[in-house]
Amino acid sequence: MLKVEQCAKCGSSSVIQRAMVVDKVSAAGAEENFTVRVDADPSAMMFKKSTRSPVHAWICAQCGYIELYADNPGELYQAFITAQSTVPDIT
């Protein structure tokens, strides 16, 4: 698992690790973690073979700079590569 020990912006070592990024709060008050999605078949009407990953934040306590990281980058990348191989060549 990634560990950010120093702020990329100001160099501070005061970094908050893996803060939850809340996407929305339901009517019942439950929080949902922010996610990203990559579609392996983006041109499909319904079954896009979507791959999702939760996202967490690393926050600098000095300057407030925020970096977001996907928990499952390898799975997202595989979906991206699959999508690239299905895109028609327009040349």
Protein backbone atom coordinates (compact mmCIF):
# COMPACT_ATOMS: atom_id res chain seq x y z
CA MET A 1 0.00 0.00 0.00
CA LEU A 2 1.20 3.47 -0.87
CA LYS A 3 2.54 5.62 1.95
CA VAL A 4 3.04 9.32 1.35
CA GLU A 5 5.49 10.64 3.91
CA GLN A 6 6.18 14.10 2.51
CA CYS A 7 3.98 16.72 0.84
CA ALA A 8 4.72 17.01 -2.89
CA LYS A 9 3.88 20.73 -2.78
CA CYS A 10 5.66 22.15 0.31
CA GLY A 11 7.79 19.24 1.53
CA SER A 12 6.18 19.05 4.98
CA SER A 13 6.25 15.70 6.76
CA SER A 14 2.86 16.44 8.40
CA VAL A 15 0.70 14.33 6.08
CA ILE A 16 -2.68 12.87 6.97
CA GLN A 17 -2.74 9.33 5.53
CA ARG A 18 -5.76 7.73 3.79
CA ALA A 19 -8.49 10.24 4.61
CA MET A 20 -11.90 9.10 3.42
CA VAL A 21 -13.28 11.15 0.54
CA VAL A 22 -17.06 11.20 0.94
CA ASP A 23 -19.00 11.09 -2.31
CA LYS A 24 -22.45 11.58 -0.85
CA VAL A 25 -24.54 11.09 2.23
CA SER A 26 -27.71 9.05 1.82
CA ALA A 27 -31.08 10.09 3.21
CA ALA A 28 -30.40 7.71 6.13
CA GLY A 29 -27.19 9.61 6.89
CA ALA A 30 -24.77 6.91 5.71
CA GLU A 31 -21.62 8.12 3.98
CA GLU A 32 -20.38 6.53 0.77
CA ASN A 33 -16.71 6.49 -0.16
CA PHE A 34 -15.75 8.29 -3.38
CA THR A 35 -14.99 5.91 -6.25
CA VAL A 36 -13.58 6.16 -9.75
CA ARG A 37 -14.71 4.03 -12.70
CA VAL A 38 -13.03 2.86 -15.90
CA ASP A 39 -15.15 1.16 -18.55
CA ALA A 40 -13.51 -1.69 -20.46
CA ASP A 41 -16.22 -1.35 -23.14
CA PRO A 42 -17.13 2.37 -23.10
CA SER A 43 -19.13 2.25 -26.34
CA ALA A 44 -21.55 -0.40 -25.04
CA MET A 45 -25.07 0.81 -24.37
CA MET A 46 -25.56 -1.16 -21.15
CA PHE A 47 -22.85 -3.62 -20.14
CA LYS A 48 -19.72 -1.48 -20.13
CA LYS A 49 -17.65 -3.96 -18.06
CA SER A 50 -16.95 -1.26 -15.49
CA THR A 51 -14.13 -1.52 -12.98
CA ARG A 52 -14.40 0.64 -9.87
CA SER A 53 -11.98 1.55 -7.12
CA PRO A 54 -12.38 3.43 -3.86
CA VAL A 55 -10.30 6.60 -3.62
CA HIS A 56 -8.52 7.92 -0.53
CA ALA A 57 -6.81 11.24 0.11
CA TRP A 58 -3.46 12.20 1.54
CA ILE A 59 -3.68 15.72 2.96
CA CYS A 60 -0.83 18.02 3.92
CA ALA A 61 -1.48 19.48 7.37
CA GLN A 62 0.76 22.48 6.56
CA CYS A 63 -0.44 23.78 3.19
CA GLY A 64 -3.63 21.76 2.60
CA TYR A 65 -2.43 20.15 -0.62
CA ILE A 66 -4.45 16.99 -1.39
CA GLU A 67 -3.43 13.96 -3.43
CA LEU A 68 -6.02 11.33 -4.37
CA TYR A 69 -5.07 7.69 -4.88
CA ALA A 70 -7.13 4.78 -6.17
CA ASP A 71 -6.98 1.65 -4.02
CA ASN A 72 -6.98 -0.70 -7.05
CA PRO A 73 -4.90 1.02 -9.75
CA GLY A 74 -3.88 -2.22 -11.46
CA GLU A 75 -7.48 -3.28 -12.03
CA LEU A 76 -8.35 0.17 -13.38
CA TYR A 77 -5.38 0.05 -15.73
CA GLN A 78 -6.40 -3.37 -17.08
CA ALA A 79 -9.87 -1.99 -17.89
CA PHE A 80 -8.23 1.01 -19.57
CA ILE A 81 -5.98 -1.21 -21.71
CA THR A 82 -8.99 -3.33 -22.71
CA ALA A 83 -10.90 -0.17 -23.70
CA GLN A 84 -7.97 1.08 -25.78
CA SER A 85 -7.86 -2.18 -27.73
CA THR A 86 -11.55 -1.85 -28.67
CA VAL A 87 -11.38 1.77 -29.91
CA PRO A 88 -11.66 1.82 -33.72
CA ASP A 89 -8.71 3.27 -35.61
CA ILE A 90 -9.89 6.44 -37.37
CA THR A 91 -7.08 6.95 -39.87
